[in-house]
Amino acid sequence: MTAPRAGAVAFRLERLTSEIRLAALDLGETEPALAAARLMDGLRDAGLPVPPLPAWAEAARELDRDAWQRVEVLTHLLRHGELGPLVARALARDPARAWSVVPAFATREARLLTVELLLKSPFRVEELARKWVHALGGTIEGERPDESRRRMERLDFGGVLKSLEEAGRDREERMRRLQEIEAKRLKEQQEAYARQSRE
């Protein structure tokens, strides 16, 4: 359910980002049991199967506070406004997995996109929107799939952080090598000085 397929559901990016912002703004304190119940109600209303309790408990095991808030935002997209039927149609393309897409997405692809970040940055809202459409196997209206993929990769907050971490590790490695070279040079100078003193 991650790659656009023939007949994939097309989402208007502007509408989707607007709904995500509204859902994030409306979000109160998240109670996991209520969030799960709202998601199950949304799936039932869309005519999609809900998981047996043990399967849901396993899928929800990794959800922390931030992930539950993302579940609430995604549930809002399913249950409210003009996007609800589109999200339901996209989920219905693989009904057996429909219920598991939300917790998986909330704990993996969207793990760094907290509600606080969504409220502060339109770029993070667009990132969440693009990643959600991708997870649904949908498309962005007016964009070719390769164009959408490039835009999503450019916005990827996790990728940016990873690049910064790699650059930091590279810098540390270069500094370590320079220190080794300097220590070796200093040792050679001291040994040369000691030899001269003995002669």
N, C-alpha and C. Protein backbone atom coordinates (compact mmCIF):
# COMPACT_ATOMS: atom_id res chain seq x y z
N MET A 1 0.82 -1.21 0.00
CA MET A 1 0.00 0.00 0.00
C MET A 1 0.86 1.26 0.00
N THR A 2 2.07 1.15 -0.55
CA THR A 2 2.94 2.31 -0.49
C THR A 2 3.25 2.94 -1.84
N ALA A 3 3.00 2.26 -2.92
CA ALA A 3 3.32 2.85 -4.23
C ALA A 3 2.03 3.15 -4.98
N PRO A 4 1.99 4.29 -5.71
CA PRO A 4 0.79 4.61 -6.48
C PRO A 4 0.54 3.52 -7.52
N ARG A 5 -0.71 3.12 -7.65
CA ARG A 5 -1.07 2.10 -8.62
C ARG A 5 -2.12 2.67 -9.54
N ALA A 6 -2.42 1.91 -10.59
CA ALA A 6 -3.46 2.34 -11.53
C ALA A 6 -4.74 2.59 -10.75
N GLY A 7 -5.38 3.70 -11.03
CA GLY A 7 -6.62 4.04 -10.33
C GLY A 7 -6.42 4.54 -8.92
N ALA A 8 -5.17 4.94 -8.60
CA ALA A 8 -4.88 5.44 -7.25
C ALA A 8 -5.70 6.69 -6.97
N VAL A 9 -6.04 6.89 -5.71
CA VAL A 9 -6.82 8.04 -5.29
C VAL A 9 -5.93 9.28 -5.33
N ALA A 10 -6.44 10.35 -5.95
CA ALA A 10 -5.69 11.60 -6.05
C ALA A 10 -6.16 12.58 -4.98
N PHE A 11 -5.22 13.17 -4.27
CA PHE A 11 -5.51 14.13 -3.20
C PHE A 11 -5.05 15.52 -3.61
N ARG A 12 -5.87 16.52 -3.31
CA ARG A 12 -5.45 17.92 -3.51
C ARG A 12 -4.59 18.31 -2.32
N LEU A 13 -3.34 18.64 -2.60
CA LEU A 13 -2.38 18.92 -1.54
C LEU A 13 -2.82 20.08 -0.65
N GLU A 14 -3.31 21.14 -1.25
CA GLU A 14 -3.72 22.32 -0.48
C GLU A 14 -4.83 21.97 0.52
N ARG A 15 -5.79 21.17 0.06
CA ARG A 15 -6.91 20.78 0.93
C ARG A 15 -6.41 19.86 2.05
N LEU A 16 -5.53 18.93 1.70
CA LEU A 16 -5.01 17.98 2.67
C LEU A 16 -4.19 18.69 3.75
N THR A 17 -3.32 19.60 3.34
CA THR A 17 -2.52 20.32 4.34
C THR A 17 -3.40 21.19 5.23
N SER A 18 -4.43 21.77 4.66
CA SER A 18 -5.36 22.58 5.44
C SER A 18 -6.07 21.73 6.50
N GLU A 19 -6.52 20.54 6.10
CA GLU A 19 -7.21 19.63 7.05
C GLU A 19 -6.26 19.16 8.15
N ILE A 20 -5.02 18.90 7.78
CA ILE A 20 -4.04 18.46 8.79
C ILE A 20 -3.82 19.57 9.81
N ARG A 21 -3.66 20.80 9.33
CA ARG A 21 -3.47 21.94 10.26
C ARG A 21 -4.66 22.09 11.19
N LEU A 22 -5.88 22.00 10.61
CA LEU A 22 -7.09 22.12 11.44
C LEU A 22 -7.15 21.01 12.48
N ALA A 23 -6.85 19.79 12.07
CA ALA A 23 -6.88 18.66 13.01
C ALA A 23 -5.86 18.87 14.12
N ALA A 24 -4.67 19.35 13.78
CA ALA A 24 -3.63 19.59 14.79
C ALA A 24 -4.05 20.70 15.74
N LEU A 25 -4.68 21.75 15.21
CA LEU A 25 -5.14 22.86 16.06
C LEU A 25 -6.25 22.43 17.00
N ASP A 26 -7.14 21.56 16.53
CA ASP A 26 -8.28 21.12 17.33
C ASP A 26 -7.93 20.06 18.36
N LEU A 27 -6.73 19.52 18.26
CA LEU A 27 -6.35 18.39 19.11
C LEU A 27 -6.24 18.81 20.57
N GLY A 28 -6.97 18.11 21.42
CA GLY A 28 -6.85 18.33 22.86
C GLY A 28 -5.94 17.28 23.44
N GLU A 29 -6.15 16.96 24.70
CA GLU A 29 -5.37 15.90 25.34
C GLU A 29 -5.79 14.57 24.72
N THR A 30 -4.82 13.78 24.30
CA THR A 30 -5.12 12.51 23.63
C THR A 30 -5.20 11.38 24.64
N GLU A 31 -6.32 10.71 24.63
CA GLU A 31 -6.55 9.53 25.46
C GLU A 31 -6.49 8.32 24.52
N PRO A 32 -5.49 7.43 24.65
CA PRO A 32 -5.32 6.33 23.71
C PRO A 32 -6.58 5.49 23.47
N ALA A 33 -7.32 5.15 24.53
CA ALA A 33 -8.52 4.31 24.34
C ALA A 33 -9.56 5.02 23.47
N LEU A 34 -9.74 6.33 23.70
CA LEU A 34 -10.70 7.10 22.89
C LEU A 34 -10.20 7.27 21.46
N ALA A 35 -8.89 7.50 21.31
CA ALA A 35 -8.32 7.64 19.97
C ALA A 35 -8.51 6.36 19.18
N ALA A 36 -8.28 5.22 19.83
CA ALA A 36 -8.47 3.93 19.16
C ALA A 36 -9.94 3.72 18.79
N ALA A 37 -10.84 4.07 19.71
CA ALA A 37 -12.28 3.92 19.44
C ALA A 37 -12.71 4.79 18.27
N ARG A 38 -12.20 6.02 18.20
CA ARG A 38 -12.55 6.91 17.08
C ARG A 38 -12.04 6.34 15.75
N LEU A 39 -10.84 5.81 15.77
CA LEU A 39 -10.30 5.21 14.54
C LEU A 39 -11.16 4.02 14.11
N MET A 40 -11.51 3.15 15.06
CA MET A 40 -12.34 1.97 14.72
C MET A 40 -13.71 2.41 14.18
N ASP A 41 -14.29 3.45 14.81
CA ASP A 41 -15.58 3.98 14.31
C ASP A 41 -15.43 4.50 12.89
N GLY A 42 -14.32 5.19 12.63
CA GLY A 42 -14.07 5.70 11.28
C GLY A 42 -13.95 4.58 10.26
N LEU A 43 -13.25 3.52 10.64
CA LEU A 43 -13.11 2.37 9.73
C LEU A 43 -14.47 1.72 9.48
N ARG A 44 -15.24 1.51 10.56
CA ARG A 44 -16.57 0.91 10.40
C ARG A 44 -17.46 1.77 9.51
N ASP A 45 -17.46 3.10 9.76
CA ASP A 45 -18.28 4.02 8.96
C ASP A 45 -17.89 3.95 7.48
N ALA A 46 -16.61 3.67 7.21
CA ALA A 46 -16.13 3.59 5.83
C ALA A 46 -16.36 2.21 5.23
N GLY A 47 -16.94 1.30 6.03
CA GLY A 47 -17.19 -0.06 5.54
C GLY A 47 -15.94 -0.92 5.51
N LEU A 48 -14.96 -0.55 6.33
CA LEU A 48 -13.70 -1.30 6.36
C LEU A 48 -13.65 -2.18 7.60
N PRO A 49 -12.93 -3.29 7.52
CA PRO A 49 -12.86 -4.19 8.68
C PRO A 49 -12.03 -3.58 9.81
N VAL A 50 -12.42 -3.93 11.03
CA VAL A 50 -11.64 -3.51 12.19
C VAL A 50 -10.89 -4.75 12.69
N PRO A 51 -9.75 -4.54 13.33
CA PRO A 51 -8.94 -5.69 13.75
C PRO A 51 -9.49 -6.36 14.99
N PRO A 52 -9.18 -7.63 15.18
CA PRO A 52 -9.48 -8.26 16.46
C PRO A 52 -8.64 -7.57 17.54
N LEU A 53 -9.13 -7.57 18.75
CA LEU A 53 -8.46 -6.87 19.85
C LEU A 53 -6.98 -7.24 20.01
N PRO A 54 -6.61 -8.54 19.98
CA PRO A 54 -5.18 -8.86 20.15
C PRO A 54 -4.31 -8.28 19.02
N ALA A 55 -4.83 -8.28 17.80
CA ALA A 55 -4.06 -7.73 16.67
C ALA A 55 -3.88 -6.22 16.85
N TRP A 56 -4.95 -5.54 17.30
CA TRP A 56 -4.84 -4.11 17.52
C TRP A 56 -3.86 -3.81 18.66
N ALA A 57 -3.94 -4.57 19.74
CA ALA A 57 -3.04 -4.36 20.88
C ALA A 57 -1.59 -4.49 20.44
N GLU A 58 -1.31 -5.45 19.59
CA GLU A 58 0.05 -5.64 19.08
C GLU A 58 0.48 -4.46 18.20
N ALA A 59 -0.41 -4.01 17.31
CA ALA A 59 -0.10 -2.90 16.40
C ALA A 59 0.06 -1.60 17.17
N ALA A 60 -0.69 -1.43 18.25
CA ALA A 60 -0.67 -0.18 19.02
C ALA A 60 0.41 -0.17 20.09
N ARG A 61 1.09 -1.28 20.28
CA ARG A 61 2.09 -1.42 21.34
C ARG A 61 3.17 -0.34 21.28
N GLU A 62 3.59 0.04 20.07
CA GLU A 62 4.68 1.01 19.92
C GLU A 62 4.22 2.46 19.95
N LEU A 63 2.92 2.69 20.03
CA LEU A 63 2.42 4.07 19.99
C LEU A 63 2.72 4.80 21.31
N ASP A 64 3.51 5.88 21.20
CA ASP A 64 3.74 6.73 22.37
C ASP A 64 2.80 7.93 22.28
N ARG A 65 2.97 8.89 23.16
CA ARG A 65 2.07 10.05 23.20
C ARG A 65 2.01 10.76 21.84
N ASP A 66 3.19 11.03 21.26
CA ASP A 66 3.22 11.73 19.97
C ASP A 66 2.57 10.91 18.86
N ALA A 67 2.82 9.61 18.86
CA ALA A 67 2.23 8.74 17.83
C ALA A 67 0.71 8.70 17.98
N TRP A 68 0.20 8.66 19.22
CA TRP A 68 -1.25 8.68 19.43
C TRP A 68 -1.84 9.98 18.89
N GLN A 69 -1.12 11.08 19.06
CA GLN A 69 -1.62 12.35 18.52
C GLN A 69 -1.67 12.30 16.99
N ARG A 70 -0.68 11.66 16.38
CA ARG A 70 -0.71 11.51 14.92
C ARG A 70 -1.88 10.63 14.51
N VAL A 71 -2.15 9.58 15.29
CA VAL A 71 -3.32 8.73 15.01
C VAL A 71 -4.59 9.58 15.03
N GLU A 72 -4.70 10.47 16.00
CA GLU A 72 -5.88 11.34 16.09
C GLU A 72 -6.00 12.23 14.84
N VAL A 73 -4.88 12.80 14.41
CA VAL A 73 -4.90 13.66 13.21
C VAL A 73 -5.34 12.85 11.99
N LEU A 74 -4.78 11.65 11.82
CA LEU A 74 -5.13 10.81 10.67
C LEU A 74 -6.58 10.35 10.75
N THR A 75 -7.06 10.07 11.96
CA THR A 75 -8.46 9.68 12.14
C THR A 75 -9.38 10.83 11.75
N HIS A 76 -8.98 12.04 12.10
CA HIS A 76 -9.76 13.22 11.70
C HIS A 76 -9.88 13.27 10.18
N LEU A 77 -8.79 12.99 9.47
CA LEU A 77 -8.83 13.01 8.00
C LEU A 77 -9.79 11.97 7.45
N LEU A 78 -9.88 10.84 8.12
CA LEU A 78 -10.79 9.76 7.70
C LEU A 78 -12.25 10.09 7.99
N ARG A 79 -12.49 10.74 9.12
CA ARG A 79 -13.88 10.89 9.59
C ARG A 79 -14.54 12.22 9.27
N HIS A 80 -13.78 13.23 8.86
CA HIS A 80 -14.36 14.55 8.71
C HIS A 80 -14.05 15.17 7.36
N GLY A 81 -14.91 16.09 6.96
CA GLY A 81 -14.66 16.90 5.77
C GLY A 81 -14.71 16.13 4.47
N GLU A 82 -14.30 16.81 3.41
CA GLU A 82 -14.37 16.21 2.08
C GLU A 82 -13.31 15.14 1.85
N LEU A 83 -12.29 15.11 2.71
CA LEU A 83 -11.22 14.13 2.53
C LEU A 83 -11.59 12.73 3.03
N GLY A 84 -12.53 12.65 3.93
CA GLY A 84 -12.90 11.36 4.50
C GLY A 84 -13.17 10.29 3.45
N PRO A 85 -14.05 10.56 2.47
CA PRO A 85 -14.32 9.55 1.45
C PRO A 85 -13.08 9.17 0.62
N LEU A 86 -12.20 10.14 0.39
CA LEU A 86 -10.98 9.84 -0.38
C LEU A 86 -10.04 8.93 0.42
N VAL A 87 -9.86 9.25 1.71
CA VAL A 87 -9.02 8.40 2.56
C VAL A 87 -9.63 7.00 2.64
N ALA A 88 -10.95 6.92 2.82
CA ALA A 88 -11.63 5.62 2.89
C ALA A 88 -11.44 4.84 1.59
N ARG A 89 -11.55 5.52 0.45
CA ARG A 89 -11.35 4.84 -0.85
C ARG A 89 -9.93 4.32 -0.98
N ALA A 90 -8.96 5.11 -0.54
CA ALA A 90 -7.56 4.68 -0.61
C ALA A 90 -7.33 3.48 0.31
N LEU A 91 -7.88 3.53 1.53
CA LEU A 91 -7.74 2.40 2.46
C LEU A 91 -8.44 1.15 1.95
N ALA A 92 -9.55 1.34 1.26
CA ALA A 92 -10.35 0.21 0.77
C ALA A 92 -9.64 -0.57 -0.33
N ARG A 93 -8.60 0.00 -0.91
CA ARG A 93 -7.86 -0.71 -1.96
C ARG A 93 -7.16 -1.94 -1.39
N ASP A 94 -6.93 -1.96 -0.07
CA ASP A 94 -6.33 -3.12 0.59
C ASP A 94 -7.00 -3.29 1.95
N PRO A 95 -8.28 -3.70 1.95
CA PRO A 95 -9.07 -3.73 3.20
C PRO A 95 -8.45 -4.53 4.33
N ALA A 96 -7.75 -5.61 4.02
CA ALA A 96 -7.18 -6.45 5.07
C ALA A 96 -6.12 -5.70 5.88
N ARG A 97 -5.47 -4.73 5.24
CA ARG A 97 -4.42 -3.97 5.93
C ARG A 97 -4.86 -2.57 6.32
N ALA A 98 -6.08 -2.19 5.97
CA ALA A 98 -6.52 -0.80 6.17
C ALA A 98 -6.30 -0.31 7.60
N TRP A 99 -6.68 -1.10 8.59
CA TRP A 99 -6.58 -0.67 9.98
C TRP A 99 -5.13 -0.56 10.46
N SER A 100 -4.21 -1.36 9.85
CA SER A 100 -2.83 -1.37 10.34
C SER A 100 -1.98 -0.24 9.75
N VAL A 101 -2.47 0.39 8.69
CA VAL A 101 -1.70 1.46 8.04
C VAL A 101 -1.51 2.65 9.00
N VAL A 102 -2.54 2.98 9.74
CA VAL A 102 -2.48 4.17 10.61
C VAL A 102 -1.43 4.02 11.72
N PRO A 103 -1.47 2.97 12.55
CA PRO A 103 -0.43 2.89 13.60
C PRO A 103 0.97 2.69 13.03
N ALA A 104 1.09 1.95 11.93
CA ALA A 104 2.41 1.75 11.32
C ALA A 104 2.97 3.09 10.85
N PHE A 105 2.15 3.87 10.18
CA PHE A 105 2.58 5.18 9.69
C PHE A 105 2.94 6.11 10.85
N ALA A 106 2.12 6.10 11.89
CA ALA A 106 2.32 7.00 13.03
C ALA A 106 3.61 6.70 13.78
N THR A 107 4.06 5.43 13.76
CA THR A 107 5.27 5.07 14.50
C THR A 107 6.51 5.01 13.63
N ARG A 108 6.34 4.98 12.31
CA ARG A 108 7.52 4.87 11.45
C ARG A 108 7.73 6.10 10.58
N GLU A 109 7.02 6.17 9.48
CA GLU A 109 7.25 7.25 8.51
C GLU A 109 7.08 8.64 9.12
N ALA A 110 6.15 8.78 10.05
CA ALA A 110 5.85 10.11 10.62
C ALA A 110 6.41 10.30 12.02
N ARG A 111 7.28 9.43 12.47
CA ARG A 111 7.70 9.42 13.88
C ARG A 111 8.29 10.74 14.38
N LEU A 112 8.90 11.53 13.51
CA LEU A 112 9.51 12.79 13.96
C LEU A 112 8.57 13.98 13.85
N LEU A 113 7.42 13.77 13.24
CA LEU A 113 6.50 14.89 12.98
C LEU A 113 5.50 15.03 14.13
N THR A 114 5.92 15.71 15.16
CA THR A 114 5.05 15.92 16.32
C THR A 114 4.00 16.98 15.99
N VAL A 115 2.94 17.00 16.76
CA VAL A 115 1.90 18.01 16.57
C VAL A 115 2.49 19.40 16.78
N GLU A 116 3.41 19.53 17.74
CA GLU A 116 4.06 20.83 17.98
C GLU A 116 4.77 21.32 16.72
N LEU A 117 5.47 20.41 16.04
CA LEU A 117 6.15 20.77 14.79
C LEU A 117 5.14 21.14 13.71
N LEU A 118 4.04 20.38 13.63
CA LEU A 118 3.01 20.67 12.62
C LEU A 118 2.43 22.06 12.83
N LEU A 119 2.26 22.46 14.08
CA LEU A 119 1.69 23.77 14.36
C LEU A 119 2.67 24.91 14.07
N LYS A 120 3.96 24.60 14.08
CA LYS A 120 4.97 25.64 13.86
C LYS A 120 5.41 25.76 12.41
N SER A 121 5.33 24.67 11.65
CA SER A 121 5.96 24.68 10.34
C SER A 121 5.06 24.14 9.23
N PRO A 122 4.74 24.97 8.24
CA PRO A 122 3.97 24.49 7.09
C PRO A 122 4.73 23.41 6.30
N PHE A 123 6.06 23.43 6.37
CA PHE A 123 6.85 22.41 5.67
C PHE A 123 6.63 21.04 6.28
N ARG A 124 6.52 20.98 7.63
CA ARG A 124 6.28 19.70 8.29
C ARG A 124 4.87 19.20 8.00
N VAL A 125 3.91 20.13 7.87
CA VAL A 125 2.53 19.75 7.51
C VAL A 125 2.53 19.14 6.11
N GLU A 126 3.23 19.80 5.19
CA GLU A 126 3.29 19.26 3.82
C GLU A 126 4.00 17.92 3.79
N GLU A 127 5.06 17.79 4.61
CA GLU A 127 5.76 16.51 4.68
C GLU A 127 4.82 15.40 5.14
N LEU A 128 4.06 15.66 6.21
CA LEU A 128 3.11 14.67 6.71
C LEU A 128 2.09 14.33 5.63
N ALA A 129 1.56 15.35 4.95
CA ALA A 129 0.55 15.14 3.91
C ALA A 129 1.11 14.25 2.80
N ARG A 130 2.29 14.58 2.33
CA ARG A 130 2.89 13.81 1.22
C ARG A 130 3.20 12.37 1.64
N LYS A 131 3.73 12.21 2.85
CA LYS A 131 4.05 10.86 3.33
C LYS A 131 2.78 10.03 3.53
N TRP A 132 1.70 10.68 3.99
CA TRP A 132 0.44 9.97 4.20
C TRP A 132 -0.14 9.52 2.86
N VAL A 133 -0.13 10.39 1.88
CA VAL A 133 -0.62 10.02 0.55
C VAL A 133 0.21 8.85 0.01
N HIS A 134 1.51 8.91 0.20
CA HIS A 134 2.40 7.83 -0.25
C HIS A 134 2.05 6.53 0.47
N ALA A 135 1.86 6.59 1.79
CA ALA A 135 1.51 5.39 2.56
C ALA A 135 0.18 4.80 2.11
N LEU A 136 -0.73 5.67 1.66
CA LEU A 136 -2.03 5.20 1.18
C LEU A 136 -1.97 4.66 -0.24
N GLY A 137 -0.83 4.83 -0.90
CA GLY A 137 -0.72 4.42 -2.30
C GLY A 137 -1.44 5.39 -3.22
N GLY A 138 -1.65 6.62 -2.75
CA GLY A 138 -2.35 7.62 -3.53
C GLY A 138 -1.41 8.50 -4.33
N THR A 139 -1.96 9.54 -4.93
CA THR A 139 -1.18 10.49 -5.70
C THR A 139 -1.57 11.90 -5.27
N ILE A 140 -0.71 12.85 -5.63
CA ILE A 140 -1.01 14.26 -5.41
C ILE A 140 -1.55 14.80 -6.73
N GLU A 141 -2.74 15.39 -6.65
CA GLU A 141 -3.39 15.93 -7.85
C GLU A 141 -2.46 16.93 -8.55
N GLY A 142 -2.32 16.74 -9.88
CA GLY A 142 -1.52 17.68 -10.67
C GLY A 142 -0.02 17.42 -10.66
N GLU A 143 0.42 16.34 -10.00
CA GLU A 143 1.85 16.02 -9.97
C GLU A 143 2.09 14.62 -10.53
N ARG A 144 3.19 14.48 -11.24
CA ARG A 144 3.61 13.14 -11.69
C ARG A 144 4.18 12.40 -10.48
N PRO A 145 4.08 11.08 -10.43
CA PRO A 145 4.59 10.32 -9.26
C PRO A 145 6.06 10.60 -8.96
N ASP A 146 6.92 10.71 -9.98
CA ASP A 146 8.33 10.97 -9.72
C ASP A 146 8.55 12.37 -9.13
N GLU A 147 7.74 13.33 -9.58
CA GLU A 147 7.80 14.69 -9.06
C GLU A 147 7.38 14.70 -7.58
N SER A 148 6.29 14.00 -7.27
CA SER A 148 5.82 13.91 -5.88
C SER A 148 6.87 13.28 -4.98
N ARG A 149 7.49 12.21 -5.48
CA ARG A 149 8.51 11.51 -4.69
C ARG A 149 9.68 12.44 -4.39
N ARG A 150 10.15 13.19 -5.41
CA ARG A 150 11.26 14.12 -5.20
C ARG A 150 10.91 15.20 -4.17
N ARG A 151 9.70 15.73 -4.28
CA ARG A 151 9.27 16.77 -3.34
C ARG A 151 9.18 16.21 -1.92
N MET A 152 8.68 14.98 -1.80
CA MET A 152 8.58 14.36 -0.48
C MET A 152 9.99 14.15 0.11
N GLU A 153 10.92 13.68 -0.71
CA GLU A 153 12.28 13.45 -0.24
C GLU A 153 12.96 14.76 0.17
N ARG A 154 12.69 15.83 -0.57
CA ARG A 154 13.28 17.13 -0.25
C ARG A 154 12.79 17.65 1.11
N LEU A 155 11.55 17.32 1.44
CA LEU A 155 10.96 17.79 2.70
C LEU A 155 11.27 16.89 3.89
N ASP A 156 11.84 15.72 3.65
CA ASP A 156 11.99 14.70 4.68
C ASP A 156 12.85 15.17 5.85
N PHE A 157 12.18 15.51 6.96
CA PHE A 157 12.82 16.00 8.18
C PHE A 157 13.79 14.96 8.75
N GLY A 158 13.36 13.71 8.73
CA GLY A 158 14.22 12.62 9.22
C GLY A 158 15.48 12.51 8.39
N GLY A 159 15.34 12.67 7.07
CA GLY A 159 16.50 12.62 6.18
C GLY A 159 17.45 13.76 6.44
N VAL A 160 16.90 14.95 6.70
CA VAL A 160 17.73 16.11 7.01
C VAL A 160 18.51 15.85 8.31
N LEU A 161 17.80 15.35 9.33
CA LEU A 161 18.47 15.07 10.60
C LEU A 161 19.55 14.01 10.43
N LYS A 162 19.25 12.99 9.63
CA LYS A 162 20.23 11.93 9.38
C LYS A 162 21.46 12.51 8.70
N SER A 163 21.25 13.38 7.71
CA SER A 163 22.37 14.01 7.01
C SER A 163 23.20 14.84 7.97
N LEU A 164 22.54 15.58 8.86
CA LEU A 164 23.27 16.39 9.84
C LEU A 164 24.08 15.51 10.79
N GLU A 165 23.47 14.39 11.21
CA GLU A 165 24.19 13.46 12.10
C GLU A 165 25.40 12.87 11.40
N GLU A 166 25.23 12.49 10.12
CA GLU A 166 26.34 11.92 9.35
C GLU A 166 27.45 12.96 9.19
N ALA A 167 27.07 14.22 8.91
CA ALA A 167 28.07 15.29 8.77
C ALA A 167 28.81 15.48 10.09
N GLY A 168 28.08 15.41 11.21
CA GLY A 168 28.71 15.53 12.53
C GLY A 168 29.69 14.39 12.78
N ARG A 169 29.29 13.16 12.41
CA ARG A 169 30.19 12.01 12.59
C ARG A 169 31.43 12.16 11.70
N ASP A 170 31.24 12.64 10.47
CA ASP A 170 32.36 12.88 9.56
C ASP A 170 33.34 13.89 10.15
N ARG A 171 32.79 14.97 10.68
CA ARG A 171 33.61 16.03 11.27
C ARG A 171 34.40 15.46 12.46
N GLU A 172 33.73 14.67 13.30
CA GLU A 172 34.41 14.08 14.45
C GLU A 172 35.54 13.14 14.01
N GLU A 173 35.27 12.36 12.96
CA GLU A 173 36.28 11.43 12.44
C GLU A 173 37.49 12.20 11.88
N ARG A 174 37.23 13.28 11.14
CA ARG A 174 38.32 14.11 10.61
C ARG A 174 39.15 14.71 11.75
N MET A 175 38.45 15.21 12.77
CA MET A 175 39.16 15.78 13.93
C MET A 175 40.01 14.73 14.62
N ARG A 176 39.47 13.53 14.78
CA ARG A 176 40.21 12.44 15.42
C ARG A 176 41.48 12.13 14.63
N ARG A 177 41.35 12.04 13.27
CA ARG A 177 42.51 11.76 12.43
C ARG A 177 43.55 12.88 12.52
N LEU A 178 43.08 14.13 12.50
CA LEU A 178 44.01 15.25 12.61
C LEU A 178 44.76 15.22 13.94
N GLN A 179 44.03 14.87 15.02
CA GLN A 179 44.67 14.78 16.34
C GLN A 179 45.72 13.67 16.35
N GLU A 180 45.42 12.54 15.70
CA GLU A 180 46.39 11.44 15.63
C GLU A 180 47.63 11.86 14.85
N ILE A 181 47.41 12.54 13.73
CA ILE A 181 48.54 13.02 12.92
C ILE A 181 49.39 14.00 13.72
N GLU A 182 48.72 14.92 14.40
CA GLU A 182 49.42 15.93 15.20
C GLU A 182 50.18 15.26 16.35
N ALA A 183 49.56 14.26 17.00
CA ALA A 183 50.23 13.55 18.10
C ALA A 183 51.46 12.81 17.57
N LYS A 184 51.32 12.18 16.39
CA LYS A 184 52.44 11.45 15.79
C LYS A 184 53.57 12.42 15.44
N ARG A 185 53.23 13.57 14.84
CA ARG A 185 54.23 14.57 14.48
C ARG A 185 54.97 15.08 15.73
N LEU A 186 54.19 15.36 16.78
CA LEU A 186 54.78 15.84 18.03
C LEU A 186 55.72 14.80 18.63
N LYS A 187 55.31 13.52 18.60
CA LYS A 187 56.14 12.44 19.13
C LYS A 187 57.44 12.34 18.34
N GLU A 188 57.33 12.43 17.00
CA GLU A 188 58.53 12.35 16.16
C GLU A 188 59.47 13.52 16.47
N GLN A 189 58.90 14.72 16.67
CA GLN A 189 59.73 15.88 17.01
C GLN A 189 60.44 15.67 18.35
N GLN A 190 59.72 15.14 19.33
CA GLN A 190 60.31 14.91 20.66
C GLN A 190 61.42 13.87 20.58
N GLU A 191 61.18 12.82 19.77
CA GLU A 191 62.21 11.77 19.62
C GLU A 191 63.44 12.35 18.92
N ALA A 192 63.22 13.17 17.92
CA ALA A 192 64.35 13.79 17.20
C ALA A 192 65.12 14.71 18.15
N TYR A 193 64.41 15.45 18.96
CA TYR A 193 65.05 16.36 19.91
C TYR A 193 65.86 15.56 20.94
N ALA A 194 65.28 14.44 21.39
CA ALA A 194 65.97 13.59 22.37
C ALA A 194 67.24 13.01 21.77
N ARG A 195 67.18 12.59 20.48
CA ARG A 195 68.37 12.05 19.81
C ARG A 195 69.47 13.11 19.70
N GLN A 196 69.05 14.32 19.35
CA GLN A 196 70.02 15.43 19.22
C GLN A 196 70.69 15.73 20.57
N SER A 197 69.91 15.63 21.63
CA SER A 197 70.44 15.92 22.97
C SER A 197 71.48 14.89 23.37
N ARG A 198 71.28 13.63 22.94
CA ARG A 198 72.22 12.57 23.30
C ARG A 198 73.50 12.65 22.50
N GLU A 199 73.46 13.23 21.31
CA GLU A 199 74.63 13.25 20.44
C GLU A 199 75.62 14.30 20.83
